[in-house]
C-alpha atoms as a PDB file:
ATOM      1  CA  MET A   1      -0.028   0.068  -0.156  1.00  0.00           C
ATOM      2  CA  ALA A   2       2.875   2.424   0.444  1.00  0.00           C
ATOM      3  CA  ASP A   3       3.111   3.065  -3.300  1.00  0.00           C
ATOM      4  CA  GLU A   4      -0.410   3.188  -3.838  1.00  0.00           C
ATOM      5  CA  LYS A   5      -1.704   6.541  -5.320  1.00  0.00           C
ATOM      6  CA  THR A   6      -4.896   8.503  -5.176  1.00  0.00           C
ATOM      7  CA  SER A   7      -6.615   8.781  -8.462  1.00  0.00           C
ATOM      8  CA  GLY A   8      -4.696  10.904 -10.950  1.00  0.00           C
ATOM      9  CA  THR A   9      -3.176  13.302  -8.331  1.00  0.00           C
ATOM     10  CA  GLY A  10       0.314  11.605  -7.737  1.00  0.00           C
ATOM     11  CA  ILE A  11      -0.241  11.764  -3.880  1.00  0.00           C
ATOM     12  CA  ASP A  12       0.362   8.867  -1.892  1.00  0.00           C
ATOM     13  CA  LYS A  13      -2.881   7.528  -0.230  1.00  0.00           C
ATOM     14  CA  GLN A  14      -0.786   7.298   2.974  1.00  0.00           C
ATOM     15  CA  ASP A  15       0.156  10.925   2.848  1.00  0.00           C
ATOM     16  CA  VAL A  16      -3.568  12.357   2.227  1.00  0.00           C
ATOM     17  CA  GLY A  17      -4.642  13.597   5.630  1.00  0.00           C
ATOM     18  CA  LEU A  18      -1.440  13.479   7.466  1.00  0.00           C
ATOM     19  CA  VAL A  19      -1.396  17.240   7.891  1.00  0.00           C
ATOM     20  CA  VAL A  20      -0.656  18.332  11.554  1.00  0.00           C
ATOM     21  CA  THR A  21      -2.264  21.814  12.275  1.00  0.00           C
ATOM     22  CA  ASP A  22      -1.304  22.180  16.053  1.00  0.00           C
ATOM     23  CA  GLY A  23      -4.594  23.697  16.718  1.00  0.00           C
ATOM     24  CA  ALA A  24      -4.977  25.930  13.722  1.00  0.00           C
ATOM     25  CA  TYR A  25      -7.430  25.192  10.855  1.00  0.00           C
ATOM     26  CA  THR A  26      -7.166  23.127   7.584  1.00  0.00           C
ATOM     27  CA  LEU A  27      -8.498  23.864   4.210  1.00  0.00           C
ATOM     28  CA  LEU A  28      -9.675  20.380   2.390  1.00  0.00           C
ATOM     29  CA  VAL A  29     -10.340  20.173  -1.276  1.00  0.00           C
ATOM     30  CA  ALA A  30     -11.944  16.799  -1.919  1.00  0.00           C
ATOM     31  CA  ASP A  31     -12.092  15.727  -5.660  1.00  0.00           C
ATOM     32  CA  PHE A  32     -15.240  13.556  -6.763  1.00  0.00           C
ATOM     33  CA  ALA A  33     -15.833  12.079 -10.161  1.00  0.00           C
ATOM     34  CA  ASP A  34     -19.484  13.316 -10.172  1.00  0.00           C
ATOM     35  CA  THR A  35     -21.586  16.114  -8.594  1.00  0.00           C
ATOM     36  CA  ASN A  36     -24.155  13.536  -6.929  1.00  0.00           C
ATOM     37  CA  THR A  37     -21.258  11.839  -5.034  1.00  0.00           C
ATOM     38  CA  ALA A  38     -19.929  15.304  -3.980  1.00  0.00           C
ATOM     39  CA  PHE A  39     -23.584  16.388  -2.897  1.00  0.00           C
ATOM     40  CA  ASP A  40     -23.939  13.141  -0.844  1.00  0.00           C
ATOM     41  CA  ALA A  41     -20.706  13.903   1.024  1.00  0.00           C
ATOM     42  CA  TYR A  42     -21.813  17.562   1.568  1.00  0.00           C
ATOM     43  CA  GLU A  43     -24.918  16.101   3.311  1.00  0.00           C
ATOM     44  CA  ALA A  44     -22.955  13.694   5.057  1.00  0.00           C
ATOM     45  CA  LEU A  45     -20.953  16.660   6.356  1.00  0.00           C
ATOM     46  CA  LYS A  46     -23.795  18.581   7.268  1.00  0.00           C
ATOM     47  CA  SER A  47     -25.376  15.938   9.385  1.00  0.00           C
ATOM     48  CA  ILE A  48     -22.473  15.414  11.613  1.00  0.00           C
ATOM     49  CA  GLU A  49     -21.458  18.905  12.207  1.00  0.00           C
ATOM     50  CA  ASP A  50     -22.263  19.968  15.662  1.00  0.00           C
ATOM     51  CA  GLY A  51     -19.967  22.759  16.368  1.00  0.00           C
ATOM     52  CA  ALA A  52     -18.579  21.011  19.489  1.00  0.00           C
ATOM     53  CA  THR A  53     -17.055  17.661  18.694  1.00  0.00           C
ATOM     54  CA  VAL A  54     -17.136  18.133  15.056  1.00  0.00           C
ATOM     55  CA  LYS A  55     -16.319  21.637  13.737  1.00  0.00           C
ATOM     56  CA  ILE A  56     -16.649  22.602  10.209  1.00  0.00           C
ATOM     57  CA  ASP A  57     -16.672  26.249   9.540  1.00  0.00           C
ATOM     58  CA  GLY A  58     -17.615  26.388   5.823  1.00  0.00           C
ATOM     59  CA  VAL A  59     -18.101  24.150   2.861  1.00  0.00           C
ATOM     60  CA  VAL A  60     -18.959  24.654  -0.750  1.00  0.00           C
ATOM     61  CA  VAL A  61     -19.600  22.118  -3.508  1.00  0.00           C
ATOM     62  CA  VAL A  62     -18.278  23.110  -7.010  1.00  0.00           C
ATOM     63  CA  LYS A  63     -17.967  21.575 -10.260  1.00  0.00           C
ATOM     64  CA  ARG A  64     -14.997  22.169 -12.461  1.00  0.00           C
ATOM     65  CA  GLU A  65     -15.821  22.406 -16.197  1.00  0.00           C
ATOM     66  CA  ALA A  66     -13.580  21.278 -18.977  1.00  0.00           C
ATOM     67  CA  ASP A  67     -12.386  24.719 -19.607  1.00  0.00           C
ATOM     68  CA  GLY A  68     -11.232  24.774 -16.133  1.00  0.00           C
ATOM     69  CA  LYS A  69     -13.761  27.149 -14.721  1.00  0.00           C
ATOM     70  CA  LEU A  70     -15.324  26.518 -11.279  1.00  0.00           C
ATOM     71  CA  GLU A  71     -19.047  26.765 -10.868  1.00  0.00           C
ATOM     72  CA  ILE A  72     -20.384  26.914  -7.341  1.00  0.00           C
ATOM     73  CA  GLN A  73     -23.104  24.098  -7.169  1.00  0.00           C
ATOM     74  CA  LYS A  74     -24.072  24.129  -3.467  1.00  0.00           C
ATOM     75  CA  ALA A  75     -23.497  26.995  -0.993  1.00  0.00           C
ATOM     76  CA  THR A  76     -26.341  26.798   1.469  1.00  0.00           C
ATOM     77  CA  ASP A  77     -27.210  28.897   4.527  1.00  0.00           C
ATOM     78  CA  HIS A  78     -26.571  25.856   6.849  1.00  0.00           C
ATOM     79  CA  SER A  79     -25.384  27.702  10.310  1.00  0.00           C
ATOM     80  CA  THR A  80     -22.591  26.236  12.226  1.00  0.00           C
ATOM     81  CA  LYS A  81     -22.803  26.671  16.220  1.00  0.00           C
ATOM     82  CA  SER A  82     -20.725  29.889  15.793  1.00  0.00           C
ATOM     83  CA  GLY A  83     -23.507  31.460  13.792  1.00  0.00           C
ATOM     84  CA  LEU A  84     -21.450  31.733  10.322  1.00  0.00           C
ATOM     85  CA  LYS A  85     -22.949  30.532   7.296  1.00  0.00           C
ATOM     86  CA  TRP A  86     -21.241  27.607   5.524  1.00  0.00           C
ATOM     87  CA  GLY A  87     -21.849  28.968   2.024  1.00  0.00           C
ATOM     88  CA  VAL A  88     -20.375  32.154   2.767  1.00  0.00           C
ATOM     89  CA  VAL A  89     -17.380  30.955   4.538  1.00  0.00           C
ATOM     90  CA  GLY A  90     -16.883  28.220   1.830  1.00  0.00           C
ATOM     91  CA  GLY A  91     -17.087  30.724  -0.815  1.00  0.00           C
ATOM     92  CA  ILE A  92     -14.681  33.010   0.823  1.00  0.00           C
ATOM     93  CA  ALA A  93     -12.184  29.925   1.241  1.00  0.00           C
ATOM     94  CA  LEU A  94     -12.821  29.179  -2.617  1.00  0.00           C
ATOM     95  CA  GLY A  95     -11.941  32.604  -3.576  1.00  0.00           C
ATOM     96  CA  VAL A  96      -8.781  32.291  -1.445  1.00  0.00           C
ATOM     97  CA  ILE A  97      -7.627  29.198  -3.039  1.00  0.00           C
ATOM     98  CA  PHE A  98      -8.661  29.833  -6.730  1.00  0.00           C
ATOM     99  CA  PRO A  99      -8.033  32.819  -8.837  1.00  0.00           C
ATOM    100  CA  PRO A 100     -11.233  34.753  -9.364  1.00  0.00           C
ATOM    101  CA  SER A 101     -10.622  34.449 -13.158  1.00  0.00           C
ATOM    102  CA  ILE A 102     -11.720  30.705 -12.944  1.00  0.00           C
ATOM    103  CA  ILE A 103     -14.657  30.861 -10.462  1.00  0.00           C
ATOM    104  CA  GLY A 104     -17.621  31.242 -13.057  1.00  0.00           C
ATOM    105  CA  SER A 105     -20.138  31.845 -10.251  1.00  0.00           C
ATOM    106  CA  ALA A 106     -18.212  34.688  -8.337  1.00  0.00           C
ATOM    107  CA  ALA A 107     -21.536  36.301  -7.587  1.00  0.00           C
ATOM    108  CA  ALA A 108     -21.935  33.796  -4.806  1.00  0.00           C
ATOM    109  CA  ILE A 109     -18.829  35.189  -3.112  1.00  0.00           C
ATOM    110  CA  GLY A 110     -20.431  38.685  -3.966  1.00  0.00           C
ATOM    111  CA  ALA A 111     -19.919  41.260  -1.095  1.00  0.00           C
ATOM    112  CA  ALA A 112     -16.752  39.554   0.277  1.00  0.00           C
ATOM    113  CA  GLY A 113     -14.927  40.085  -2.916  1.00  0.00           C
ATOM    114  CA  ALA A 114     -12.561  42.979  -1.454  1.00  0.00           C
ATOM    115  CA  ALA A 115     -11.835  40.807   1.669  1.00  0.00           C
ATOM    116  CA  THR A 116     -11.254  37.753  -0.664  1.00  0.00           C
ATOM    117  CA  GLY A 117      -8.710  39.602  -2.556  1.00  0.00           C
ATOM    118  CA  LYS A 118      -6.649  40.972   0.728  1.00  0.00           C
ATOM    119  CA  LEU A 119      -6.920  37.339   1.931  1.00  0.00           C
ATOM    120  CA  ARG A 120      -5.335  35.944  -1.513  1.00  0.00           C
ATOM    121  CA  GLU A 121      -2.586  38.055  -0.911  1.00  0.00           C
ATOM    122  CA  LEU A 122      -1.865  36.685   2.435  1.00  0.00           C
ATOM    123  CA  HIS A 123      -2.614  33.272   1.304  1.00  0.00           C
ATOM    124  CA  HIS A 124      -0.097  33.600  -1.608  1.00  0.00           C
ATOM    125  CA  LYS A 125       2.609  34.043   1.011  1.00  0.00           C
ATOM    126  CA  SER A 126       1.868  30.885   2.413  1.00  0.00           C
ATOM    127  CA  GLU A 127       1.352  29.197  -1.025  1.00  0.00           C
ATOM    128  CA  LEU A 128      -2.063  27.671  -0.551  1.00  0.00           C
ATOM    129  CA  ALA A 129      -2.845  28.097  -4.101  1.00  0.00           C
ATOM    130  CA  ASN A 130       0.097  26.094  -5.217  1.00  0.00           C
ATOM    131  CA  GLU A 131      -1.035  23.291  -3.142  1.00  0.00           C
ATOM    132  CA  LEU A 132      -4.732  23.343  -3.686  1.00  0.00           C
ATOM    133  CA  GLU A 133      -5.528  25.066  -7.084  1.00  0.00           C
ATOM    134  CA  ASP A 134      -5.247  21.771  -9.196  1.00  0.00           C
ATOM    135  CA  SER A 135      -6.788  19.440  -6.802  1.00  0.00           C
ATOM    136  CA  ILE A 136      -9.993  19.203  -8.505  1.00  0.00           C
ATOM    137  CA  ALA A 137      -9.844  17.636 -11.977  1.00  0.00           C
ATOM    138  CA  SER A 138     -11.601  19.003 -15.003  1.00  0.00           C
ATOM    139  CA  GLY A 139     -15.084  17.658 -15.527  1.00  0.00           C
ATOM    140  CA  HIS A 140     -15.145  16.615 -11.707  1.00  0.00           C
ATOM    141  CA  SER A 141     -16.798  18.046  -8.712  1.00  0.00           C
ATOM    142  CA  GLY A 142     -15.347  19.039  -5.545  1.00  0.00           C
ATOM    143  CA  ILE A 143     -15.888  20.117  -1.934  1.00  0.00           C
ATOM    144  CA  ILE A 144     -14.006  22.957  -0.366  1.00  0.00           C
ATOM    145  CA  ALA A 145     -14.152  22.946   3.476  1.00  0.00           C
ATOM    146  CA  LEU A 146     -12.462  24.922   6.314  1.00  0.00           C
ATOM    147  CA  VAL A 147     -12.314  22.691   9.404  1.00  0.00           C
ATOM    148  CA  SER A 148     -10.609  23.003  12.654  1.00  0.00           C
ATOM    149  CA  ASP A 149      -9.582  19.199  13.051  1.00  0.00           C
ATOM    150  CA  PRO A 150      -9.431  17.438   9.735  1.00  0.00           C
ATOM    151  CA  GLY A 151      -8.409  14.006  11.527  1.00  0.00           C
ATOM    152  CA  VAL A 152     -12.136  13.654  12.981  1.00  0.00           C
ATOM    153  CA  VAL A 153     -13.237  10.070  11.909  1.00  0.00           C
ATOM    154  CA  GLU A 154     -16.679  11.530  11.035  1.00  0.00           C
ATOM    155  CA  ILE A 155     -14.999  13.835   8.403  1.00  0.00           C
ATOM    156  CA  ARG A 156     -13.109  11.334   6.821  1.00  0.00           C
ATOM    157  CA  LYS A 157     -16.121   8.874   6.525  1.00  0.00           C
ATOM    158  CA  ALA A 158     -18.327  11.662   5.007  1.00  0.00           C
ATOM    159  CA  LEU A 159     -15.544  12.189   2.464  1.00  0.00           C
ATOM    160  CA  ALA A 160     -14.581   8.658   1.891  1.00  0.00           C
ATOM    161  CA  ALA A 161     -16.022   8.571  -1.568  1.00  0.00           C
ATOM    162  CA  ALA A 162     -13.669  11.143  -2.797  1.00  0.00           C
ATOM    163  CA  ASP A 163     -11.109  10.311  -5.552  1.00  0.00           C
ATOM    164  CA  ALA A 164      -8.525  12.451  -3.589  1.00  0.00           C
ATOM    165  CA  ILE A 165      -8.285  14.597  -0.869  1.00  0.00           C
ATOM    166  CA  VAL A 166      -5.676  17.586  -0.557  1.00  0.00           C
ATOM    167  CA  GLU A 167      -5.483  19.550   2.536  1.00  0.00           C
ATOM    168  CA  SER A 168      -3.349  22.482   3.608  1.00  0.00           C
ATOM    169  CA  ALA A 169      -2.758  23.649   7.199  1.00  0.00           C
ATOM    170  CA  VAL A 170      -4.028  27.380   7.565  1.00  0.00           C
ATOM    171  CA  ASP A 171      -2.785  29.283  10.592  1.00  0.00           C
ATOM    172  CA  ASP A 172      -5.180  30.665  12.920  1.00  0.00           C
ATOM    173  CA  ALA A 173      -4.977  34.209  11.812  1.00  0.00           C
ATOM    174  CA  VAL A 174      -5.953  33.310   8.237  1.00  0.00           C
ATOM    175  CA  ALA A 175      -8.820  31.355   9.390  1.00  0.00           C
ATOM    176  CA  ARG A 176     -10.006  34.359  11.623  1.00  0.00           C
ATOM    177  CA  ASP A 177      -9.731  36.402   8.604  1.00  0.00           C
ATOM    178  CA  ILE A 178     -11.823  34.120   6.398  1.00  0.00           C
ATOM    179  CA  LYS A 179     -14.456  33.881   9.105  1.00  0.00           C
ATOM    180  CA  ALA A 180     -14.440  37.766   9.826  1.00  0.00           C
ATOM    181  CA  ALA A 181     -14.775  38.395   5.875  1.00  0.00           C
ATOM    182  CA  ALA A 182     -17.971  35.801   6.111  1.00  0.00           C
ATOM    183  CA  LYS A 183     -19.453  38.055   8.939  1.00  0.00           C
ATOM    184  CA  ASP A 184     -19.031  41.166   7.022  1.00  0.00           C
ATOM    185  CA  ALA A 185     -20.596  39.679   4.012  1.00  0.00           C
END
């Protein structure tokens, strides 16, 4: 199993999910072959999130078209225990990871555009885009999620049908900025 790769990503399965965030946050990007499977994973995440034992700050489902553009498929108003809206936080995280030029449904990020631009500058310093930008294959769907503990078994189970999961540690300051931008939006 040591040399087994996740589908088309060149990432060892054993390496997927081994990011240590020492109390900070993690941005997860899960790649799914089809939108229905991504929607099922979204619903599974929604059902397990309780704000205490499983804390998910934002999730958005996207589809990457053949031309590389991302279209937001699901950005609902599910509230976490902190009162932030999943879709808004997920949309801002999406804008932080992916360049605005490839987000076809940028209106979903809307009012948070200026904050997203500022956060993109911060995130480029930490090179999140290099790690996560190509993690959803053309023609596939994906989930972008901001979570406080990516190792929670329930999160792993909800994303089990993903072809690949790429994650990057995000320091607490960037996570706070994302959530503050969501509140402002």
